[in-house]
ModelCIF file with pLDDT and N, C-alpha, C, O atoms, coordinates in Angstrom:
data_MODEL
#
_entry.id   MODEL 
#
_entity.id                         1 
_entity.type                       polymer 
_entity.pdbx_number_of_molecules   1 
#
_entity_poly.entity_id                      1 
_entity_poly.type                           'polypeptide(L)' 
_entity_poly.nstd_linkage                   no 
_entity_poly.nstd_monomer                   no 
_entity_poly.pdbx_seq_one_letter_code       YDLTDVRSEIHEFLAKNGFIPIMSDYEDFPDDLSKNSTYTKC 
_entity_poly.pdbx_seq_one_letter_code_can   YDLTDVRSEIHEFLAKNGFIPIMSDYEDFPDDLSKNSTYTKC 
_entity_poly.pdbx_strand_id                 A 
#
loop_
_entity_poly_seq.entity_id 
_entity_poly_seq.num 
_entity_poly_seq.mon_id 
_entity_poly_seq.hetero 
1 1  TYR n 
1 2  ASP n 
1 3  LEU n 
1 4  THR n 
1 5  ASP n 
1 6  VAL n 
1 7  ARG n 
1 8  SER n 
1 9  GLU n 
1 10 ILE n 
1 11 HIS n 
1 12 GLU n 
1 13 PHE n 
1 14 LEU n 
1 15 ALA n 
1 16 LYS n 
1 17 ASN n 
1 18 GLY n 
1 19 PHE n 
1 20 ILE n 
1 21 PRO n 
1 22 ILE n 
1 23 MET n 
1 24 SER n 
1 25 ASP n 
1 26 TYR n 
1 27 GLU n 
1 28 ASP n 
1 29 PHE n 
1 30 PRO n 
1 31 ASP n 
1 32 ASP n 
1 33 LEU n 
1 34 SER n 
1 35 LYS n 
1 36 ASN n 
1 37 SER n 
1 38 THR n 
1 39 TYR n 
1 40 THR n 
1 41 LYS n 
1 42 CYS n 
#
_struct_asym.id          A 
_struct_asym.entity_id   1 
#
loop_
_ma_qa_metric.id 
_ma_qa_metric.mode 
_ma_qa_metric.name 
_ma_qa_metric.software_group_id 
_ma_qa_metric.type 
1 global pLDDT . pLDDT 
2 local  pLDDT . pLDDT 
#
_ma_qa_metric_global.metric_id      1 
_ma_qa_metric_global.metric_value   82.76 
_ma_qa_metric_global.model_id       1 
_ma_qa_metric_global.ordinal_id     1 
#
loop_
_ma_qa_metric_local.label_asym_id 
_ma_qa_metric_local.label_comp_id 
_ma_qa_metric_local.label_seq_id 
_ma_qa_metric_local.metric_id 
_ma_qa_metric_local.metric_value 
_ma_qa_metric_local.model_id 
_ma_qa_metric_local.ordinal_id 
A TYR 1  2 91.00 1 1  
A ASP 2  2 93.00 1 2  
A LEU 3  2 95.00 1 3  
A THR 4  2 93.00 1 4  
A ASP 5  2 95.00 1 5  
A VAL 6  2 96.00 1 6  
A ARG 7  2 95.00 1 7  
A SER 8  2 95.00 1 8  
A GLU 9  2 96.00 1 9  
A ILE 10 2 96.00 1 10 
A HIS 11 2 96.00 1 11 
A GLU 12 2 95.00 1 12 
A PHE 13 2 96.00 1 13 
A LEU 14 2 96.00 1 14 
A ALA 15 2 94.00 1 15 
A LYS 16 2 95.00 1 16 
A ASN 17 2 95.00 1 17 
A GLY 18 2 94.00 1 18 
A PHE 19 2 96.00 1 19 
A ILE 20 2 94.00 1 20 
A PRO 21 2 94.00 1 21 
A ILE 22 2 90.00 1 22 
A MET 23 2 91.00 1 23 
A SER 24 2 83.00 1 24 
A ASP 25 2 82.00 1 25 
A TYR 26 2 78.00 1 26 
A GLU 27 2 74.00 1 27 
A ASP 28 2 70.00 1 28 
A PHE 29 2 72.00 1 29 
A PRO 30 2 66.00 1 30 
A ASP 31 2 64.00 1 31 
A ASP 32 2 58.00 1 32 
A LEU 33 2 48.00 1 33 
A SER 34 2 48.00 1 34 
A LYS 35 2 54.00 1 35 
A ASN 36 2 57.00 1 36 
A SER 37 2 65.00 1 37 
A THR 38 2 68.00 1 38 
A TYR 39 2 71.00 1 39 
A THR 40 2 80.00 1 40 
A LYS 41 2 81.00 1 41 
A CYS 42 2 86.00 1 42 
#
loop_
_atom_site.group_PDB 
_atom_site.id 
_atom_site.type_symbol 
_atom_site.label_atom_id 
_atom_site.label_alt_id 
_atom_site.label_comp_id 
_atom_site.label_asym_id 
_atom_site.label_entity_id 
_atom_site.label_seq_id 
_atom_site.pdbx_PDB_ins_code 
_atom_site.Cartn_x 
_atom_site.Cartn_y 
_atom_site.Cartn_z 
_atom_site.occupancy 
_atom_site.B_iso_or_equiv 
_atom_site.pdbx_formal_charge 
_atom_site.auth_seq_id 
_atom_site.auth_comp_id 
_atom_site.auth_asym_id 
_atom_site.auth_atom_id 
_atom_site.pdbx_PDB_model_num 
ATOM 1   N N  . TYR A 1 1  ? 28.655 -20.706 24.718 1.00 91.00 ? 1  TYR A N  1 
ATOM 2   C CA . TYR A 1 1  ? 29.971 -20.606 24.108 1.00 91.00 ? 1  TYR A CA 1 
ATOM 3   C C  . TYR A 1 1  ? 30.333 -21.800 23.235 1.00 91.00 ? 1  TYR A C  1 
ATOM 4   O O  . TYR A 1 1  ? 31.074 -21.648 22.263 1.00 91.00 ? 1  TYR A O  1 
ATOM 5   N N  . ASP A 1 2  ? 29.823 -22.988 23.564 1.00 93.00 ? 2  ASP A N  1 
ATOM 6   C CA . ASP A 1 2  ? 30.130 -24.163 22.748 1.00 93.00 ? 2  ASP A CA 1 
ATOM 7   C C  . ASP A 1 2  ? 29.068 -24.425 21.685 1.00 93.00 ? 2  ASP A C  1 
ATOM 8   O O  . ASP A 1 2  ? 29.196 -25.365 20.901 1.00 93.00 ? 2  ASP A O  1 
ATOM 9   N N  . LEU A 1 3  ? 28.024 -23.601 21.653 1.00 95.00 ? 3  LEU A N  1 
ATOM 10  C CA . LEU A 1 3  ? 26.929 -23.813 20.706 1.00 95.00 ? 3  LEU A CA 1 
ATOM 11  C C  . LEU A 1 3  ? 26.527 -22.520 19.990 1.00 95.00 ? 3  LEU A C  1 
ATOM 12  O O  . LEU A 1 3  ? 25.383 -22.379 19.558 1.00 95.00 ? 3  LEU A O  1 
ATOM 13  N N  . THR A 1 4  ? 27.445 -21.600 19.868 1.00 93.00 ? 4  THR A N  1 
ATOM 14  C CA . THR A 1 4  ? 27.127 -20.304 19.255 1.00 93.00 ? 4  THR A CA 1 
ATOM 15  C C  . THR A 1 4  ? 26.555 -20.456 17.848 1.00 93.00 ? 4  THR A C  1 
ATOM 16  O O  . THR A 1 4  ? 25.523 -19.866 17.531 1.00 93.00 ? 4  THR A O  1 
ATOM 17  N N  . ASP A 1 5  ? 27.214 -21.238 17.009 1.00 95.00 ? 5  ASP A N  1 
ATOM 18  C CA . ASP A 1 5  ? 26.765 -21.415 15.628 1.00 95.00 ? 5  ASP A CA 1 
ATOM 19  C C  . ASP A 1 5  ? 25.428 -22.140 15.566 1.00 95.00 ? 5  ASP A C  1 
ATOM 20  O O  . ASP A 1 5  ? 24.546 -21.769 14.791 1.00 95.00 ? 5  ASP A O  1 
ATOM 21  N N  . VAL A 1 6  ? 25.284 -23.172 16.382 1.00 96.00 ? 6  VAL A N  1 
ATOM 22  C CA . VAL A 1 6  ? 24.034 -23.933 16.395 1.00 96.00 ? 6  VAL A CA 1 
ATOM 23  C C  . VAL A 1 6  ? 22.878 -23.061 16.855 1.00 96.00 ? 6  VAL A C  1 
ATOM 24  O O  . VAL A 1 6  ? 21.796 -23.107 16.268 1.00 96.00 ? 6  VAL A O  1 
ATOM 25  N N  . ARG A 1 7  ? 23.091 -22.277 17.886 1.00 95.00 ? 7  ARG A N  1 
ATOM 26  C CA . ARG A 1 7  ? 22.032 -21.398 18.386 1.00 95.00 ? 7  ARG A CA 1 
ATOM 27  C C  . ARG A 1 7  ? 21.631 -20.376 17.320 1.00 95.00 ? 7  ARG A C  1 
ATOM 28  O O  . ARG A 1 7  ? 20.451 -20.062 17.166 1.00 95.00 ? 7  ARG A O  1 
ATOM 29  N N  . SER A 1 8  ? 22.612 -19.865 16.594 1.00 95.00 ? 8  SER A N  1 
ATOM 30  C CA . SER A 1 8  ? 22.323 -18.913 15.527 1.00 95.00 ? 8  SER A CA 1 
ATOM 31  C C  . SER A 1 8  ? 21.447 -19.549 14.447 1.00 95.00 ? 8  SER A C  1 
ATOM 32  O O  . SER A 1 8  ? 20.489 -18.937 13.974 1.00 95.00 ? 8  SER A O  1 
ATOM 33  N N  . GLU A 1 9  ? 21.784 -20.775 14.065 1.00 96.00 ? 9  GLU A N  1 
ATOM 34  C CA . GLU A 1 9  ? 21.001 -21.477 13.052 1.00 96.00 ? 9  GLU A CA 1 
ATOM 35  C C  . GLU A 1 9  ? 19.589 -21.787 13.542 1.00 96.00 ? 9  GLU A C  1 
ATOM 36  O O  . GLU A 1 9  ? 18.621 -21.666 12.791 1.00 96.00 ? 9  GLU A O  1 
ATOM 37  N N  . ILE A 1 10 ? 19.483 -22.188 14.804 1.00 96.00 ? 10 ILE A N  1 
ATOM 38  C CA . ILE A 1 10 ? 18.170 -22.507 15.366 1.00 96.00 ? 10 ILE A CA 1 
ATOM 39  C C  . ILE A 1 10 ? 17.293 -21.260 15.445 1.00 96.00 ? 10 ILE A C  1 
ATOM 40  O O  . ILE A 1 10 ? 16.096 -21.315 15.162 1.00 96.00 ? 10 ILE A O  1 
ATOM 41  N N  . HIS A 1 11 ? 17.894 -20.143 15.829 1.00 96.00 ? 11 HIS A N  1 
ATOM 42  C CA . HIS A 1 11 ? 17.154 -18.879 15.901 1.00 96.00 ? 11 HIS A CA 1 
ATOM 43  C C  . HIS A 1 11 ? 16.587 -18.531 14.528 1.00 96.00 ? 11 HIS A C  1 
ATOM 44  O O  . HIS A 1 11 ? 15.408 -18.199 14.404 1.00 96.00 ? 11 HIS A O  1 
ATOM 45  N N  . GLU A 1 12 ? 17.423 -18.608 13.504 1.00 95.00 ? 12 GLU A N  1 
ATOM 46  C CA . GLU A 1 12 ? 16.982 -18.288 12.144 1.00 95.00 ? 12 GLU A CA 1 
ATOM 47  C C  . GLU A 1 12 ? 15.931 -19.287 11.657 1.00 95.00 ? 12 GLU A C  1 
ATOM 48  O O  . GLU A 1 12 ? 14.940 -18.901 11.038 1.00 95.00 ? 12 GLU A O  1 
ATOM 49  N N  . PHE A 1 13 ? 16.151 -20.559 11.939 1.00 96.00 ? 13 PHE A N  1 
ATOM 50  C CA . PHE A 1 13 ? 15.238 -21.615 11.510 1.00 96.00 ? 13 PHE A CA 1 
ATOM 51  C C  . PHE A 1 13 ? 13.848 -21.432 12.117 1.00 96.00 ? 13 PHE A C  1 
ATOM 52  O O  . PHE A 1 13 ? 12.845 -21.527 11.409 1.00 96.00 ? 13 PHE A O  1 
ATOM 53  N N  . LEU A 1 14 ? 13.782 -21.172 13.408 1.00 96.00 ? 14 LEU A N  1 
ATOM 54  C CA . LEU A 1 14 ? 12.495 -21.001 14.077 1.00 96.00 ? 14 LEU A CA 1 
ATOM 55  C C  . LEU A 1 14 ? 11.767 -19.756 13.585 1.00 96.00 ? 14 LEU A C  1 
ATOM 56  O O  . LEU A 1 14 ? 10.563 -19.789 13.330 1.00 96.00 ? 14 LEU A O  1 
ATOM 57  N N  . ALA A 1 15 ? 12.508 -18.656 13.454 1.00 94.00 ? 15 ALA A N  1 
ATOM 58  C CA . ALA A 1 15 ? 11.895 -17.404 13.007 1.00 94.00 ? 15 ALA A CA 1 
ATOM 59  C C  . ALA A 1 15 ? 11.337 -17.532 11.588 1.00 94.00 ? 15 ALA A C  1 
ATOM 60  O O  . ALA A 1 15 ? 10.255 -17.022 11.296 1.00 94.00 ? 15 ALA A O  1 
ATOM 61  N N  . LYS A 1 16 ? 12.071 -18.211 10.712 1.00 95.00 ? 16 LYS A N  1 
ATOM 62  C CA . LYS A 1 16 ? 11.633 -18.369 9.328  1.00 95.00 ? 16 LYS A CA 1 
ATOM 63  C C  . LYS A 1 16 ? 10.406 -19.258 9.213  1.00 95.00 ? 16 LYS A C  1 
ATOM 64  O O  . LYS A 1 16 ? 9.669  -19.175 8.230  1.00 95.00 ? 16 LYS A O  1 
ATOM 65  N N  . ASN A 1 17 ? 10.181 -20.107 10.208 1.00 95.00 ? 17 ASN A N  1 
ATOM 66  C CA . ASN A 1 17 ? 9.068  -21.051 10.150 1.00 95.00 ? 17 ASN A CA 1 
ATOM 67  C C  . ASN A 1 17 ? 7.909  -20.678 11.069 1.00 95.00 ? 17 ASN A C  1 
ATOM 68  O O  . ASN A 1 17 ? 7.108  -21.531 11.452 1.00 95.00 ? 17 ASN A O  1 
ATOM 69  N N  . GLY A 1 18 ? 7.828  -19.400 11.415 1.00 94.00 ? 18 GLY A N  1 
ATOM 70  C CA . GLY A 1 18 ? 6.647  -18.900 12.107 1.00 94.00 ? 18 GLY A CA 1 
ATOM 71  C C  . GLY A 1 18 ? 6.629  -19.043 13.612 1.00 94.00 ? 18 GLY A C  1 
ATOM 72  O O  . GLY A 1 18 ? 5.566  -18.954 14.226 1.00 94.00 ? 18 GLY A O  1 
ATOM 73  N N  . PHE A 1 19 ? 7.796  -19.264 14.226 1.00 96.00 ? 19 PHE A N  1 
ATOM 74  C CA . PHE A 1 19 ? 7.888  -19.357 15.685 1.00 96.00 ? 19 PHE A CA 1 
ATOM 75  C C  . PHE A 1 19 ? 8.662  -18.159 16.227 1.00 96.00 ? 19 PHE A C  1 
ATOM 76  O O  . PHE A 1 19 ? 9.406  -17.499 15.502 1.00 96.00 ? 19 PHE A O  1 
ATOM 77  N N  . ILE A 1 20 ? 8.473  -17.899 17.491 1.00 94.00 ? 20 ILE A N  1 
ATOM 78  C CA . ILE A 1 20 ? 9.227  -16.839 18.156 1.00 94.00 ? 20 ILE A CA 1 
ATOM 79  C C  . ILE A 1 20 ? 10.279 -17.486 19.051 1.00 94.00 ? 20 ILE A C  1 
ATOM 80  O O  . ILE A 1 20 ? 9.940  -18.019 20.108 1.00 94.00 ? 20 ILE A O  1 
ATOM 81  N N  . PRO A 1 21 ? 11.561 -17.447 18.645 1.00 94.00 ? 21 PRO A N  1 
ATOM 82  C CA . PRO A 1 21 ? 12.610 -18.030 19.484 1.00 94.00 ? 21 PRO A CA 1 
ATOM 83  C C  . PRO A 1 21 ? 12.936 -17.114 20.656 1.00 94.00 ? 21 PRO A C  1 
ATOM 84  O O  . PRO A 1 21 ? 13.156 -15.917 20.471 1.00 94.00 ? 21 PRO A O  1 
ATOM 85  N N  . ILE A 1 22 ? 12.967 -17.670 21.852 1.00 90.00 ? 22 ILE A N  1 
ATOM 86  C CA . ILE A 1 22 ? 13.325 -16.917 23.054 1.00 90.00 ? 22 ILE A CA 1 
ATOM 87  C C  . ILE A 1 22 ? 14.700 -17.391 23.489 1.00 90.00 ? 22 ILE A C  1 
ATOM 88  O O  . ILE A 1 22 ? 14.855 -18.508 23.983 1.00 90.00 ? 22 ILE A O  1 
ATOM 89  N N  . MET A 1 23 ? 15.711 -16.520 23.300 1.00 91.00 ? 23 MET A N  1 
ATOM 90  C CA . MET A 1 23 ? 17.089 -16.893 23.565 1.00 91.00 ? 23 MET A CA 1 
ATOM 91  C C  . MET A 1 23 ? 17.790 -15.742 24.290 1.00 91.00 ? 23 MET A C  1 
ATOM 92  O O  . MET A 1 23 ? 17.762 -14.599 23.834 1.00 91.00 ? 23 MET A O  1 
ATOM 93  N N  . SER A 1 24 ? 18.408 -16.054 25.405 1.00 83.00 ? 24 SER A N  1 
ATOM 94  C CA . SER A 1 24 ? 18.951 -15.022 26.282 1.00 83.00 ? 24 SER A CA 1 
ATOM 95  C C  . SER A 1 24 ? 20.095 -14.232 25.675 1.00 83.00 ? 24 SER A C  1 
ATOM 96  O O  . SER A 1 24 ? 20.398 -13.137 26.148 1.00 83.00 ? 24 SER A O  1 
ATOM 97  N N  . ASP A 1 25 ? 20.742 -14.759 24.635 1.00 82.00 ? 25 ASP A N  1 
ATOM 98  C CA . ASP A 1 25 ? 21.877 -14.075 24.008 1.00 82.00 ? 25 ASP A CA 1 
ATOM 99  C C  . ASP A 1 25 ? 21.460 -13.221 22.816 1.00 82.00 ? 25 ASP A C  1 
ATOM 100 O O  . ASP A 1 25 ? 22.312 -12.776 22.047 1.00 82.00 ? 25 ASP A O  1 
ATOM 101 N N  . TYR A 1 26 ? 20.161 -12.989 22.654 1.00 78.00 ? 26 TYR A N  1 
ATOM 102 C CA . TYR A 1 26 ? 19.665 -12.144 21.569 1.00 78.00 ? 26 TYR A CA 1 
ATOM 103 C C  . TYR A 1 26 ? 19.000 -10.892 22.116 1.00 78.00 ? 26 TYR A C  1 
ATOM 104 O O  . TYR A 1 26 ? 18.446 -10.890 23.215 1.00 78.00 ? 26 TYR A O  1 
ATOM 105 N N  . GLU A 1 27 ? 19.068 -9.828  21.326 1.00 74.00 ? 27 GLU A N  1 
ATOM 106 C CA . GLU A 1 27 ? 18.562 -8.534  21.785 1.00 74.00 ? 27 GLU A CA 1 
ATOM 107 C C  . GLU A 1 27 ? 17.059 -8.536  22.026 1.00 74.00 ? 27 GLU A C  1 
ATOM 108 O O  . GLU A 1 27 ? 16.558 -7.737  22.816 1.00 74.00 ? 27 GLU A O  1 
ATOM 109 N N  . ASP A 1 28 ? 16.332 -9.431  21.350 1.00 70.00 ? 28 ASP A N  1 
ATOM 110 C CA . ASP A 1 28 ? 14.882 -9.459  21.518 1.00 70.00 ? 28 ASP A CA 1 
ATOM 111 C C  . ASP A 1 28 ? 14.445 -10.308 22.713 1.00 70.00 ? 28 ASP A C  1 
ATOM 112 O O  . ASP A 1 28 ? 13.254 -10.562 22.891 1.00 70.00 ? 28 ASP A O  1 
ATOM 113 N N  . PHE A 1 29 ? 15.408 -10.748 23.532 1.00 72.00 ? 29 PHE A N  1 
ATOM 114 C CA . PHE A 1 29 ? 15.057 -11.492 24.740 1.00 72.00 ? 29 PHE A CA 1 
ATOM 115 C C  . PHE A 1 29 ? 14.211 -10.606 25.648 1.00 72.00 ? 29 PHE A C  1 
ATOM 116 O O  . PHE A 1 29 ? 14.597 -9.467  25.910 1.00 72.00 ? 29 PHE A O  1 
ATOM 117 N N  . PRO A 1 30 ? 13.067 -11.094 26.138 1.00 66.00 ? 30 PRO A N  1 
ATOM 118 C CA . PRO A 1 30 ? 12.156 -10.256 26.938 1.00 66.00 ? 30 PRO A CA 1 
ATOM 119 C C  . PRO A 1 30 ? 12.738 -9.884  28.300 1.00 66.00 ? 30 PRO A C  1 
ATOM 120 O O  . PRO A 1 30 ? 12.646 -10.654 29.256 1.00 66.00 ? 30 PRO A O  1 
ATOM 121 N N  . ASP A 1 31 ? 13.337 -8.699  28.377 1.00 64.00 ? 31 ASP A N  1 
ATOM 122 C CA . ASP A 1 31 ? 13.987 -8.286  29.624 1.00 64.00 ? 31 ASP A CA 1 
ATOM 123 C C  . ASP A 1 31 ? 13.057 -7.544  30.567 1.00 64.00 ? 31 ASP A C  1 
ATOM 124 O O  . ASP A 1 31 ? 13.493 -7.072  31.617 1.00 64.00 ? 31 ASP A O  1 
ATOM 125 N N  . ASP A 1 32 ? 11.784 -7.433  30.214 1.00 58.00 ? 32 ASP A N  1 
ATOM 126 C CA . ASP A 1 32 ? 10.840 -6.740  31.076 1.00 58.00 ? 32 ASP A CA 1 
ATOM 127 C C  . ASP A 1 32 ? 10.076 -7.691  31.982 1.00 58.00 ? 32 ASP A C  1 
ATOM 128 O O  . ASP A 1 32 ? 9.183  -7.275  32.721 1.00 58.00 ? 32 ASP A O  1 
ATOM 129 N N  . LEU A 1 33 ? 10.437 -8.990  31.922 1.00 48.00 ? 33 LEU A N  1 
ATOM 130 C CA . LEU A 1 33 ? 9.713  -9.963  32.727 1.00 48.00 ? 33 LEU A CA 1 
ATOM 131 C C  . LEU A 1 33 ? 10.073 -9.870  34.201 1.00 48.00 ? 33 LEU A C  1 
ATOM 132 O O  . LEU A 1 33 ? 9.273  -10.240 35.061 1.00 48.00 ? 33 LEU A O  1 
ATOM 133 N N  . SER A 1 34 ? 11.247 -9.388  34.493 1.00 48.00 ? 34 SER A N  1 
ATOM 134 C CA . SER A 1 34 ? 11.696 -9.332  35.886 1.00 48.00 ? 34 SER A CA 1 
ATOM 135 C C  . SER A 1 34 ? 12.754 -8.251  36.039 1.00 48.00 ? 34 SER A C  1 
ATOM 136 O O  . SER A 1 34 ? 13.525 -7.980  35.119 1.00 48.00 ? 34 SER A O  1 
ATOM 137 N N  . LYS A 1 35 ? 12.778 -7.648  37.202 1.00 54.00 ? 35 LYS A N  1 
ATOM 138 C CA . LYS A 1 35 ? 13.803 -6.647  37.487 1.00 54.00 ? 35 LYS A CA 1 
ATOM 139 C C  . LYS A 1 35 ? 15.000 -7.287  38.191 1.00 54.00 ? 35 LYS A C  1 
ATOM 140 O O  . LYS A 1 35 ? 15.931 -6.595  38.604 1.00 54.00 ? 35 LYS A O  1 
ATOM 141 N N  . ASN A 1 36 ? 14.967 -8.591  38.319 1.00 57.00 ? 36 ASN A N  1 
ATOM 142 C CA . ASN A 1 36 ? 16.036 -9.301  39.000 1.00 57.00 ? 36 ASN A CA 1 
ATOM 143 C C  . ASN A 1 36 ? 17.149 -9.684  38.027 1.00 57.00 ? 36 ASN A C  1 
ATOM 144 O O  . ASN A 1 36 ? 17.268 -9.085  36.959 1.00 57.00 ? 36 ASN A O  1 
ATOM 145 N N  . SER A 1 37 ? 17.952 -10.665 38.381 1.00 65.00 ? 37 SER A N  1 
ATOM 146 C CA . SER A 1 37 ? 19.110 -11.054 37.597 1.00 65.00 ? 37 SER A CA 1 
ATOM 147 C C  . SER A 1 37 ? 18.700 -11.735 36.295 1.00 65.00 ? 37 SER A C  1 
ATOM 148 O O  . SER A 1 37 ? 17.547 -12.121 36.108 1.00 65.00 ? 37 SER A O  1 
ATOM 149 N N  . THR A 1 38 ? 19.685 -11.871 35.394 1.00 68.00 ? 38 THR A N  1 
ATOM 150 C CA . THR A 1 38 ? 19.455 -12.590 34.151 1.00 68.00 ? 38 THR A CA 1 
ATOM 151 C C  . THR A 1 38 ? 19.011 -14.014 34.439 1.00 68.00 ? 38 THR A C  1 
ATOM 152 O O  . THR A 1 38 ? 18.187 -14.572 33.714 1.00 68.00 ? 38 THR A O  1 
ATOM 153 N N  . TYR A 1 39 ? 19.554 -14.599 35.493 1.00 71.00 ? 39 TYR A N  1 
ATOM 154 C CA . TYR A 1 39 ? 19.184 -15.949 35.919 1.00 71.00 ? 39 TYR A CA 1 
ATOM 155 C C  . TYR A 1 39 ? 17.682 -16.034 36.143 1.00 71.00 ? 39 TYR A C  1 
ATOM 156 O O  . TYR A 1 39 ? 17.025 -16.946 35.641 1.00 71.00 ? 39 TYR A O  1 
ATOM 157 N N  . THR A 1 40 ? 17.137 -15.082 36.898 1.00 80.00 ? 40 THR A N  1 
ATOM 158 C CA . THR A 1 40 ? 15.706 -15.065 37.193 1.00 80.00 ? 40 THR A CA 1 
ATOM 159 C C  . THR A 1 40 ? 14.888 -14.762 35.945 1.00 80.00 ? 40 THR A C  1 
ATOM 160 O O  . THR A 1 40 ? 13.809 -15.324 35.756 1.00 80.00 ? 40 THR A O  1 
ATOM 161 N N  . LYS A 1 41 ? 15.398 -13.877 35.094 1.00 81.00 ? 41 LYS A N  1 
ATOM 162 C CA . LYS A 1 41 ? 14.689 -13.538 33.856 1.00 81.00 ? 41 LYS A CA 1 
ATOM 163 C C  . LYS A 1 41 ? 14.544 -14.759 32.965 1.00 81.00 ? 41 LYS A C  1 
ATOM 164 O O  . LYS A 1 41 ? 13.510 -14.937 32.320 1.00 81.00 ? 41 LYS A O  1 
ATOM 165 N N  . CYS A 1 42 ? 15.564 -15.597 32.923 1.00 86.00 ? 42 CYS A N  1 
ATOM 166 C CA . CYS A 1 42 ? 15.491 -16.809 32.116 1.00 86.00 ? 42 CYS A CA 1 
ATOM 167 C C  . CYS A 1 42 ? 14.397 -17.739 32.629 1.00 86.00 ? 42 CYS A C  1 
ATOM 168 O O  . CYS A 1 42 ? 14.188 -18.815 32.069 1.00 86.00 ? 42 CYS A O  1 
#
C-alpha cells in the first residue's frame, strides 16, 4: 500500500530488461505453487 507506484515501476523495469518479476499483487503471480494461503504461496 505504501509502495504501489514503486512496485509498478519495478515490475515494468524488470520485464523490459529480460527478467521475470514475481510479485504477489500481479495476476501472473504463480498461484499453482501451493494450495495453502497466500502467505505460504509467497
